[in-house]
Amino acid sequence: MSILVGSIVVIGEDDKQNYYLLEEHAAQHEEIDYWVKVAKDIKDRYGSMNFYCDTARPEHVVRFRRERLRALNADKAVVSGIEEVAGLFKKNSFFLLLKTK
């Protein structure tokens, strides 16, 4: 049995081509209304940006676009994504920002 979890991550880039994981939002069993609210909050704080969406849920892409969010179909090549992130880590160009309380 698989468990479906949705997520939105915010990655920033600086002028030296370093990348930073700024935020992660992950939840199980949430409907599209929840994800639209999260995405709008992110857009309000960071400005307009691309949201890469699962191609298995085209109705979610349509909903994001209707809500004036820039939704694009994601490239689902998992291995190439893992290799890209691993390469950034190896070059010391990808950083995780941790919140402390």
PDB file of N, CA and C in Angstrom:
ATOM      1  N   MET A   1       0.845  -1.179   0.000  1.00  0.00           N
ATOM      2  CA  MET A   1       0.000   0.000   0.000  1.00  0.00           C
ATOM      3  C   MET A   1       0.888   1.239   0.000  1.00  0.00           C
ATOM      4  N   SER A   2       0.607   2.166  -0.890  1.00  0.00           N
ATOM      5  CA  SER A   2       1.402   3.394  -0.932  1.00  0.00           C
ATOM      6  C   SER A   2       0.653   4.521  -0.224  1.00  0.00           C
ATOM      7  N   ILE A   3       1.421   5.407   0.358  1.00  0.00           N
ATOM      8  CA  ILE A   3       0.857   6.567   1.035  1.00  0.00           C
ATOM      9  C   ILE A   3       1.179   7.784   0.186  1.00  0.00           C
ATOM     10  N   LEU A   4       0.155   8.511  -0.213  1.00  0.00           N
ATOM     11  CA  LEU A   4       0.359   9.693  -1.034  1.00  0.00           C
ATOM     12  C   LEU A   4       0.527  10.915  -0.151  1.00  0.00           C
ATOM     13  N   VAL A   5       1.609  11.608  -0.362  1.00  0.00           N
ATOM     14  CA  VAL A   5       1.904  12.823   0.385  1.00  0.00           C
ATOM     15  C   VAL A   5       2.143  13.926  -0.629  1.00  0.00           C
ATOM     16  N   GLY A   6       1.497  15.060  -0.440  1.00  0.00           N
ATOM     17  CA  GLY A   6       1.750  16.211  -1.283  1.00  0.00           C
ATOM     18  C   GLY A   6       2.831  17.068  -0.665  1.00  0.00           C
ATOM     19  N   SER A   7       3.505  17.835  -1.506  1.00  0.00           N
ATOM     20  CA  SER A   7       4.525  18.733  -0.962  1.00  0.00           C
ATOM     21  C   SER A   7       4.741  19.926  -1.876  1.00  0.00           C
ATOM     22  N   ILE A   8       5.149  21.005  -1.255  1.00  0.00           N
ATOM     23  CA  ILE A   8       5.642  22.185  -1.960  1.00  0.00           C
ATOM     24  C   ILE A   8       6.941  22.558  -1.272  1.00  0.00           C
ATOM     25  N   VAL A   9       8.000  22.696  -2.055  1.00  0.00           N
ATOM     26  CA  VAL A   9       9.274  23.166  -1.511  1.00  0.00           C
ATOM     27  C   VAL A   9       9.626  24.477  -2.196  1.00  0.00           C
ATOM     28  N   VAL A  10      10.275  25.346  -1.445  1.00  0.00           N
ATOM     29  CA  VAL A  10      10.720  26.638  -1.978  1.00  0.00           C
ATOM     30  C   VAL A  10      12.241  26.613  -1.990  1.00  0.00           C
ATOM     31  N   ILE A  11      12.805  26.779  -3.175  1.00  0.00           N
ATOM     32  CA  ILE A  11      14.257  26.790  -3.339  1.00  0.00           C
ATOM     33  C   ILE A  11      14.650  28.138  -3.915  1.00  0.00           C
ATOM     34  N   GLY A  12      15.601  28.795  -3.262  1.00  0.00           N
ATOM     35  CA  GLY A  12      16.103  30.081  -3.726  1.00  0.00           C
ATOM     36  C   GLY A  12      17.491  29.930  -4.324  1.00  0.00           C
ATOM     37  N   GLU A  13      17.860  30.878  -5.178  1.00  0.00           N
ATOM     38  CA  GLU A  13      19.186  30.896  -5.805  1.00  0.00           C
ATOM     39  C   GLU A  13      19.817  32.258  -5.583  1.00  0.00           C
ATOM     40  N   ASP A  14      21.096  32.275  -5.215  1.00  0.00           N
ATOM     41  CA  ASP A  14      21.783  33.555  -5.045  1.00  0.00           C
ATOM     42  C   ASP A  14      22.574  33.910  -6.304  1.00  0.00           C
ATOM     43  N   ASP A  15      23.279  35.032  -6.257  1.00  0.00           N
ATOM     44  CA  ASP A  15      24.006  35.511  -7.433  1.00  0.00           C
ATOM     45  C   ASP A  15      25.258  34.683  -7.751  1.00  0.00           C
ATOM     46  N   LYS A  16      25.603  33.733  -6.895  1.00  0.00           N
ATOM     47  CA  LYS A  16      26.764  32.864  -7.133  1.00  0.00           C
ATOM     48  C   LYS A  16      26.332  31.448  -7.520  1.00  0.00           C
ATOM     49  N   GLN A  17      25.086  31.313  -7.902  1.00  0.00           N
ATOM     50  CA  GLN A  17      24.489  30.038  -8.301  1.00  0.00           C
ATOM     51  C   GLN A  17      24.525  28.994  -7.182  1.00  0.00           C
ATOM     52  N   ASN A  18      24.356  29.459  -5.959  1.00  0.00           N
ATOM     53  CA  ASN A  18      24.126  28.574  -4.827  1.00  0.00           C
ATOM     54  C   ASN A  18      22.617  28.462  -4.640  1.00  0.00           C
ATOM     55  N   TYR A  19      22.177  27.303  -4.207  1.00  0.00           N
ATOM     56  CA  TYR A  19      20.754  27.049  -4.025  1.00  0.00           C
ATOM     57  C   TYR A  19      20.471  26.775  -2.554  1.00  0.00           C
ATOM     58  N   TYR A  20      19.307  27.239  -2.103  1.00  0.00           N
ATOM     59  CA  TYR A  20      18.932  27.140  -0.695  1.00  0.00           C
ATOM     60  C   TYR A  20      17.520  26.583  -0.584  1.00  0.00           C
ATOM     61  N   LEU A  21      17.365  25.530   0.199  1.00  0.00           N
ATOM     62  CA  LEU A  21      16.027  25.039   0.518  1.00  0.00           C
ATOM     63  C   LEU A  21      15.490  25.945   1.612  1.00  0.00           C
ATOM     64  N   LEU A  22      14.533  26.793   1.246  1.00  0.00           N
ATOM     65  CA  LEU A  22      14.009  27.803   2.163  1.00  0.00           C
ATOM     66  C   LEU A  22      12.828  27.298   2.981  1.00  0.00           C
ATOM     67  N   GLU A  23      11.974  26.506   2.348  1.00  0.00           N
ATOM     68  CA  GLU A  23      10.761  26.026   3.016  1.00  0.00           C
ATOM     69  C   GLU A  23      10.359  24.677   2.448  1.00  0.00           C
ATOM     70  N   GLU A  24       9.701  23.896   3.276  1.00  0.00           N
ATOM     71  CA  GLU A  24       9.076  22.666   2.824  1.00  0.00           C
ATOM     72  C   GLU A  24       7.704  22.560   3.477  1.00  0.00           C
ATOM     73  N   HIS A  25       6.718  22.259   2.665  1.00  0.00           N
ATOM     74  CA  HIS A  25       5.358  22.026   3.146  1.00  0.00           C
ATOM     75  C   HIS A  25       4.969  20.635   2.660  1.00  0.00           C
ATOM     76  N   ALA A  26       4.691  19.732   3.567  1.00  0.00           N
ATOM     77  CA  ALA A  26       4.301  18.368   3.206  1.00  0.00           C
ATOM     78  C   ALA A  26       3.107  17.962   4.058  1.00  0.00           C
ATOM     79  N   ALA A  27       2.154  17.293   3.424  1.00  0.00           N
ATOM     80  CA  ALA A  27       0.959  16.867   4.148  1.00  0.00           C
ATOM     81  C   ALA A  27       0.336  15.675   3.433  1.00  0.00           C
ATOM     82  N   GLN A  28      -0.339  14.869   4.211  1.00  0.00           N
ATOM     83  CA  GLN A  28      -1.033  13.705   3.687  1.00  0.00           C
ATOM     84  C   GLN A  28      -2.534  13.975   3.715  1.00  0.00           C
ATOM     85  N   HIS A  29      -3.223  13.543   2.683  1.00  0.00           N
ATOM     86  CA  HIS A  29      -4.692  13.610   2.601  1.00  0.00           C
ATOM     87  C   HIS A  29      -5.242  15.039   2.534  1.00  0.00           C
ATOM     88  N   GLU A  30      -4.484  15.989   2.034  1.00  0.00           N
ATOM     89  CA  GLU A  30      -4.997  17.355   1.881  1.00  0.00           C
ATOM     90  C   GLU A  30      -5.572  17.538   0.481  1.00  0.00           C
ATOM     91  N   GLU A  31      -6.629  18.301   0.395  1.00  0.00           N
ATOM     92  CA  GLU A  31      -7.282  18.593  -0.877  1.00  0.00           C
ATOM     93  C   GLU A  31      -6.623  19.805  -1.534  1.00  0.00           C
ATOM     94  N   ILE A  32      -7.005  20.062  -2.780  1.00  0.00           N
ATOM     95  CA  ILE A  32      -6.386  21.134  -3.567  1.00  0.00           C
ATOM     96  C   ILE A  32      -6.577  22.505  -2.918  1.00  0.00           C
ATOM     97  N   ASP A  33      -7.688  22.730  -2.217  1.00  0.00           N
ATOM     98  CA  ASP A  33      -7.890  24.025  -1.549  1.00  0.00           C
ATOM     99  C   ASP A  33      -6.751  24.333  -0.578  1.00  0.00           C
ATOM    100  N   TYR A  34      -6.296  23.337   0.143  1.00  0.00           N
ATOM    101  CA  TYR A  34      -5.176  23.509   1.078  1.00  0.00           C
ATOM    102  C   TYR A  34      -3.911  23.925   0.329  1.00  0.00           C
ATOM    103  N   TRP A  35      -3.614  23.233  -0.783  1.00  0.00           N
ATOM    104  CA  TRP A  35      -2.380  23.519  -1.528  1.00  0.00           C
ATOM    105  C   TRP A  35      -2.435  24.887  -2.201  1.00  0.00           C
ATOM    106  N   VAL A  36      -3.608  25.299  -2.651  1.00  0.00           N
ATOM    107  CA  VAL A  36      -3.762  26.647  -3.215  1.00  0.00           C
ATOM    108  C   VAL A  36      -3.463  27.689  -2.144  1.00  0.00           C
ATOM    109  N   LYS A  37      -3.973  27.479  -0.935  1.00  0.00           N
ATOM    110  CA  LYS A  37      -3.719  28.417   0.168  1.00  0.00           C
ATOM    111  C   LYS A  37      -2.221  28.503   0.472  1.00  0.00           C
ATOM    112  N   VAL A  38      -1.547  27.358   0.539  1.00  0.00           N
ATOM    113  CA  VAL A  38      -0.098  27.340   0.794  1.00  0.00           C
ATOM    114  C   VAL A  38       0.638  28.078  -0.324  1.00  0.00           C
ATOM    115  N   ALA A  39       0.294  27.777  -1.567  1.00  0.00           N
ATOM    116  CA  ALA A  39       0.972  28.392  -2.709  1.00  0.00           C
ATOM    117  C   ALA A  39       0.755  29.904  -2.748  1.00  0.00           C
ATOM    118  N   LYS A  40      -0.459  30.359  -2.455  1.00  0.00           N
ATOM    119  CA  LYS A  40      -0.725  31.804  -2.443  1.00  0.00           C
ATOM    120  C   LYS A  40       0.070  32.504  -1.344  1.00  0.00           C
ATOM    121  N   ASP A  41       0.196  31.869  -0.188  1.00  0.00           N
ATOM    122  CA  ASP A  41       1.000  32.440   0.894  1.00  0.00           C
ATOM    123  C   ASP A  41       2.461  32.568   0.459  1.00  0.00           C
ATOM    124  N   ILE A  42       2.984  31.545  -0.186  1.00  0.00           N
ATOM    125  CA  ILE A  42       4.367  31.583  -0.679  1.00  0.00           C
ATOM    126  C   ILE A  42       4.523  32.697  -1.709  1.00  0.00           C
ATOM    127  N   LYS A  43       3.583  32.789  -2.639  1.00  0.00           N
ATOM    128  CA  LYS A  43       3.637  33.832  -3.669  1.00  0.00           C
ATOM    129  C   LYS A  43       3.584  35.220  -3.039  1.00  0.00           C
ATOM    130  N   ASP A  44       2.745  35.397  -2.020  1.00  0.00           N
ATOM    131  CA  ASP A  44       2.649  36.697  -1.340  1.00  0.00           C
ATOM    132  C   ASP A  44       3.974  37.092  -0.697  1.00  0.00           C
ATOM    133  N   ARG A  45       4.700  36.122  -0.171  1.00  0.00           N
ATOM    134  CA  ARG A  45       5.954  36.420   0.532  1.00  0.00           C
ATOM    135  C   ARG A  45       7.168  36.512  -0.387  1.00  0.00           C
ATOM    136  N   TYR A  46       7.198  35.731  -1.472  1.00  0.00           N
ATOM    137  CA  TYR A  46       8.386  35.684  -2.330  1.00  0.00           C
ATOM    138  C   TYR A  46       8.169  36.299  -3.709  1.00  0.00           C
ATOM    139  N   GLY A  47       6.928  36.589  -4.066  1.00  0.00           N
ATOM    140  CA  GLY A  47       6.643  37.087  -5.409  1.00  0.00           C
ATOM    141  C   GLY A  47       6.274  35.941  -6.342  1.00  0.00           C
ATOM    142  N   SER A  48       5.947  36.295  -7.559  1.00  0.00           N
ATOM    143  CA  SER A  48       5.512  35.296  -8.532  1.00  0.00           C
ATOM    144  C   SER A  48       6.650  34.331  -8.853  1.00  0.00           C
ATOM    145  N   MET A  49       6.318  33.067  -8.925  1.00  0.00           N
ATOM    146  CA  MET A  49       7.315  32.033  -9.224  1.00  0.00           C
ATOM    147  C   MET A  49       6.616  30.854  -9.872  1.00  0.00           C
ATOM    148  N   ASN A  50       7.398  29.949 -10.427  1.00  0.00           N
ATOM    149  CA  ASN A  50       6.847  28.736 -11.016  1.00  0.00           C
ATOM    150  C   ASN A  50       6.536  27.716  -9.932  1.00  0.00           C
ATOM    151  N   PHE A  51       5.413  27.030 -10.110  1.00  0.00           N
ATOM    152  CA  PHE A  51       5.057  25.877  -9.289  1.00  0.00           C
ATOM    153  C   PHE A  51       5.020  24.676 -10.229  1.00  0.00           C
ATOM    154  N   TYR A  52       5.886  23.711  -9.987  1.00  0.00           N
ATOM    155  CA  TYR A  52       5.966  22.518 -10.824  1.00  0.00           C
ATOM    156  C   TYR A  52       5.062  21.451 -10.228  1.00  0.00           C
ATOM    157  N   CYS A  53       4.094  21.003 -11.027  1.00  0.00           N
ATOM    158  CA  CYS A  53       3.013  20.151 -10.530  1.00  0.00           C
ATOM    159  C   CYS A  53       3.076  18.751 -11.130  1.00  0.00           C
ATOM    160  N   ASP A  54       2.543  17.797 -10.378  1.00  0.00           N
ATOM    161  CA  ASP A  54       2.475  16.406 -10.809  1.00  0.00           C
ATOM    162  C   ASP A  54       1.593  16.298 -12.050  1.00  0.00           C
ATOM    163  N   THR A  55       2.133  15.715 -13.111  1.00  0.00           N
ATOM    164  CA  THR A  55       1.376  15.572 -14.355  1.00  0.00           C
ATOM    165  C   THR A  55       0.223  14.578 -14.227  1.00  0.00           C
ATOM    166  N   ALA A  56       0.220  13.790 -13.162  1.00  0.00           N
ATOM    167  CA  ALA A  56      -0.880  12.841 -12.940  1.00  0.00           C
ATOM    168  C   ALA A  56      -2.151  13.540 -12.476  1.00  0.00           C
ATOM    169  N   ARG A  57      -2.039  14.802 -12.093  1.00  0.00           N
ATOM    170  CA  ARG A  57      -3.205  15.550 -11.604  1.00  0.00           C
ATOM    171  C   ARG A  57      -3.387  16.845 -12.408  1.00  0.00           C
ATOM    172  N   PRO A  58      -3.759  16.733 -13.697  1.00  0.00           N
ATOM    173  CA  PRO A  58      -3.899  17.937 -14.526  1.00  0.00           C
ATOM    174  C   PRO A  58      -4.939  18.919 -13.989  1.00  0.00           C
ATOM    175  N   GLU A  59      -5.937  18.404 -13.255  1.00  0.00           N
ATOM    176  CA  GLU A  59      -6.946  19.304 -12.690  1.00  0.00           C
ATOM    177  C   GLU A  59      -6.337  20.228 -11.638  1.00  0.00           C
ATOM    178  N   HIS A  60      -5.260  19.816 -11.001  1.00  0.00           N
ATOM    179  CA  HIS A  60      -4.591  20.683 -10.028  1.00  0.00           C
ATOM    180  C   HIS A  60      -3.832  21.800 -10.734  1.00  0.00           C
ATOM    181  N   VAL A  61      -3.235  21.483 -11.878  1.00  0.00           N
ATOM    182  CA  VAL A  61      -2.571  22.516 -12.682  1.00  0.00           C
ATOM    183  C   VAL A  61      -3.598  23.552 -13.115  1.00  0.00           C
ATOM    184  N   VAL A  62      -4.740  23.081 -13.578  1.00  0.00           N
ATOM    185  CA  VAL A  62      -5.817  23.986 -14.007  1.00  0.00           C
ATOM    186  C   VAL A  62      -6.255  24.870 -12.847  1.00  0.00           C
ATOM    187  N   ARG A  63      -6.432  24.290 -11.682  1.00  0.00           N
ATOM    188  CA  ARG A  63      -6.873  25.064 -10.510  1.00  0.00           C
ATOM    189  C   ARG A  63      -5.837  26.103 -10.117  1.00  0.00           C
ATOM    190  N   PHE A  64      -4.554  25.733 -10.066  1.00  0.00           N
ATOM    191  CA  PHE A  64      -3.506  26.700  -9.741  1.00  0.00           C
ATOM    192  C   PHE A  64      -3.538  27.861 -10.730  1.00  0.00           C
ATOM    193  N   ARG A  65      -3.655  27.548 -12.008  1.00  0.00           N
ATOM    194  CA  ARG A  65      -3.682  28.610 -13.031  1.00  0.00           C
ATOM    195  C   ARG A  65      -4.908  29.502 -12.857  1.00  0.00           C
ATOM    196  N   ARG A  66      -6.047  28.898 -12.546  1.00  0.00           N
ATOM    197  CA  ARG A  66      -7.262  29.688 -12.318  1.00  0.00           C
ATOM    198  C   ARG A  66      -7.074  30.639 -11.136  1.00  0.00           C
ATOM    199  N   GLU A  67      -6.253  30.229 -10.176  1.00  0.00           N
ATOM    200  CA  GLU A  67      -5.965  31.055  -8.997  1.00  0.00           C
ATOM    201  C   GLU A  67      -4.804  32.026  -9.247  1.00  0.00           C
ATOM    202  N   ARG A  68      -4.400  32.156 -10.497  1.00  0.00           N
ATOM    203  CA  ARG A  68      -3.335  33.077 -10.920  1.00  0.00           C
ATOM    204  C   ARG A  68      -1.975  32.685 -10.337  1.00  0.00           C
ATOM    205  N   LEU A  69      -1.760  31.378 -10.234  1.00  0.00           N
ATOM    206  CA  LEU A  69      -0.468  30.825  -9.839  1.00  0.00           C
ATOM    207  C   LEU A  69       0.162  30.225 -11.096  1.00  0.00           C
ATOM    208  N   ARG A  70       1.444  30.444 -11.275  1.00  0.00           N
ATOM    209  CA  ARG A  70       2.142  30.000 -12.485  1.00  0.00           C
ATOM    210  C   ARG A  70       2.480  28.511 -12.350  1.00  0.00           C
ATOM    211  N   ALA A  71       1.558  27.664 -12.785  1.00  0.00           N
ATOM    212  CA  ALA A  71       1.690  26.212 -12.646  1.00  0.00           C
ATOM    213  C   ALA A  71       2.188  25.595 -13.949  1.00  0.00           C
ATOM    214  N   LEU A  72       3.214  24.754 -13.818  1.00  0.00           N
ATOM    215  CA  LEU A  72       3.794  24.053 -14.959  1.00  0.00           C
ATOM    216  C   LEU A  72       3.833  22.564 -14.646  1.00  0.00           C
ATOM    217  N   ASN A  73       3.791  21.748 -15.693  1.00  0.00           N
ATOM    218  CA  ASN A  73       3.932  20.309 -15.495  1.00  0.00           C
ATOM    219  C   ASN A  73       5.380  19.988 -15.147  1.00  0.00           C
ATOM    220  N   ALA A  74       5.565  19.207 -14.101  1.00  0.00           N
ATOM    221  CA  ALA A  74       6.909  18.832 -13.652  1.00  0.00           C
ATOM    222  C   ALA A  74       7.487  17.742 -14.546  1.00  0.00           C
ATOM    223  N   ASP A  75       8.809  17.718 -14.635  1.00  0.00           N
ATOM    224  CA  ASP A  75       9.531  16.617 -15.267  1.00  0.00           C
ATOM    225  C   ASP A  75       9.636  15.522 -14.211  1.00  0.00           C
ATOM    226  N   LYS A  76       9.055  14.377 -14.491  1.00  0.00           N
ATOM    227  CA  LYS A  76       8.990  13.320 -13.480  1.00  0.00           C
ATOM    228  C   LYS A  76      10.195  12.380 -13.509  1.00  0.00           C
ATOM    229  N   ALA A  77      11.283  12.791 -14.141  1.00  0.00           N
ATOM    230  CA  ALA A  77      12.495  11.968 -14.178  1.00  0.00           C
ATOM    231  C   ALA A  77      13.183  12.055 -12.818  1.00  0.00           C
ATOM    232  N   VAL A  78      12.823  11.165 -11.928  1.00  0.00           N
ATOM    233  CA  VAL A  78      13.303  11.198 -10.544  1.00  0.00           C
ATOM    234  C   VAL A  78      14.817  11.061 -10.474  1.00  0.00           C
ATOM    235  N   VAL A  79      15.371  10.138 -11.235  1.00  0.00           N
ATOM    236  CA  VAL A  79      16.813   9.893 -11.163  1.00  0.00           C
ATOM    237  C   VAL A  79      17.593  11.137 -11.551  1.00  0.00           C
ATOM    238  N   SER A  80      17.191  11.815 -12.618  1.00  0.00           N
ATOM    239  CA  SER A  80      17.930  13.016 -13.021  1.00  0.00           C
ATOM    240  C   SER A  80      17.814  14.111 -11.965  1.00  0.00           C
ATOM    241  N   GLY A  81      16.681  14.193 -11.281  1.00  0.00           N
ATOM    242  CA  GLY A  81      16.534  15.171 -10.202  1.00  0.00           C
ATOM    243  C   GLY A  81      17.435  14.862  -9.027  1.00  0.00           C
ATOM    244  N   ILE A  82      17.509  13.585  -8.669  1.00  0.00           N
ATOM    245  CA  ILE A  82      18.396  13.171  -7.576  1.00  0.00           C
ATOM    246  C   ILE A  82      19.845  13.457  -7.943  1.00  0.00           C
ATOM    247  N   GLU A  83      20.218  13.158  -9.178  1.00  0.00           N
ATOM    248  CA  GLU A  83      21.591  13.408  -9.627  1.00  0.00           C
ATOM    249  C   GLU A  83      21.913  14.897  -9.598  1.00  0.00           C
ATOM    250  N   GLU A  84      20.961  15.729  -9.987  1.00  0.00           N
ATOM    251  CA  GLU A  84      21.173  17.181  -9.978  1.00  0.00           C
ATOM    252  C   GLU A  84      21.421  17.682  -8.560  1.00  0.00           C
ATOM    253  N   VAL A  85      20.577  17.281  -7.625  1.00  0.00           N
ATOM    254  CA  VAL A  85      20.737  17.711  -6.231  1.00  0.00           C
ATOM    255  C   VAL A  85      22.038  17.160  -5.651  1.00  0.00           C
ATOM    256  N   ALA A  86      22.348  15.895  -5.932  1.00  0.00           N
ATOM    257  CA  ALA A  86      23.600  15.304  -5.439  1.00  0.00           C
ATOM    258  C   ALA A  86      24.805  16.075  -5.967  1.00  0.00           C
ATOM    259  N   GLY A  87      24.751  16.478  -7.229  1.00  0.00           N
ATOM    260  CA  GLY A  87      25.843  17.259  -7.813  1.00  0.00           C
ATOM    261  C   GLY A  87      26.004  18.605  -7.133  1.00  0.00           C
ATOM    262  N   LEU A  88      24.892  19.247  -6.800  1.00  0.00           N
ATOM    263  CA  LEU A  88      24.952  20.533  -6.095  1.00  0.00           C
ATOM    264  C   LEU A  88      25.540  20.363  -4.702  1.00  0.00           C
ATOM    265  N   PHE A  89      25.157  19.288  -4.009  1.00  0.00           N
ATOM    266  CA  PHE A  89      25.747  19.013  -2.689  1.00  0.00           C
ATOM    267  C   PHE A  89      27.252  18.797  -2.813  1.00  0.00           C
ATOM    268  N   LYS A  90      27.655  18.019  -3.813  1.00  0.00           N
ATOM    269  CA  LYS A  90      29.076  17.706  -4.005  1.00  0.00           C
ATOM    270  C   LYS A  90      29.889  18.973  -4.259  1.00  0.00           C
ATOM    271  N   LYS A  91      29.302  19.929  -4.982  1.00  0.00           N
ATOM    272  CA  LYS A  91      29.984  21.200  -5.275  1.00  0.00           C
ATOM    273  C   LYS A  91      29.806  22.220  -4.151  1.00  0.00           C
ATOM    274  N   ASN A  92      29.201  21.801  -3.051  1.00  0.00           N
ATOM    275  CA  ASN A  92      28.881  22.722  -1.947  1.00  0.00           C
ATOM    276  C   ASN A  92      28.072  23.921  -2.430  1.00  0.00           C
ATOM    277  N   SER A  93      27.076  23.635  -3.254  1.00  0.00           N
ATOM    278  CA  SER A  93      26.238  24.691  -3.820  1.00  0.00           C
ATOM    279  C   SER A  93      24.772  24.557  -3.436  1.00  0.00           C
ATOM    280  N   PHE A  94      24.444  23.620  -2.556  1.00  0.00           N
ATOM    281  CA  PHE A  94      23.058  23.435  -2.126  1.00  0.00           C
ATOM    282  C   PHE A  94      23.038  23.399  -0.606  1.00  0.00           C
ATOM    283  N   PHE A  95      22.208  24.255  -0.030  1.00  0.00           N
ATOM    284  CA  PHE A  95      22.198  24.414   1.421  1.00  0.00           C
ATOM    285  C   PHE A  95      20.778  24.293   1.951  1.00  0.00           C
ATOM    286  N   LEU A  96      20.660  23.728   3.134  1.00  0.00           N
ATOM    287  CA  LEU A  96      19.377  23.624   3.819  1.00  0.00           C
ATOM    288  C   LEU A  96      19.364  24.647   4.934  1.00  0.00           C
ATOM    289  N   LEU A  97      18.363  25.496   4.945  1.00  0.00           N
ATOM    290  CA  LEU A  97      18.234  26.489   6.006  1.00  0.00           C
ATOM    291  C   LEU A  97      17.316  25.920   7.073  1.00  0.00           C
ATOM    292  N   LEU A  98      17.811  25.815   8.277  1.00  0.00           N
ATOM    293  CA  LEU A  98      17.040  25.238   9.372  1.00  0.00           C
ATOM    294  C   LEU A  98      16.499  26.330  10.272  1.00  0.00           C
ATOM    295  N   LYS A  99      15.236  26.194  10.647  1.00  0.00           N
ATOM    296  CA  LYS A  99      14.638  27.121  11.609  1.00  0.00           C
ATOM    297  C   LYS A  99      14.952  26.634  13.009  1.00  0.00           C
ATOM    298  N   THR A 100      15.298  27.555  13.868  1.00  0.00           N
ATOM    299  CA  THR A 100      15.486  27.203  15.275  1.00  0.00           C
ATOM    300  C   THR A 100      14.451  27.947  16.093  1.00  0.00           C
ATOM    301  N   LYS A 101      14.028  27.326  17.172  1.00  0.00           N
ATOM    302  CA  LYS A 101      12.989  27.947  18.003  1.00  0.00           C
ATOM    303  C   LYS A 101      13.599  28.626  19.190  1.00  0.00           C
TER     304      LYS A 101
END
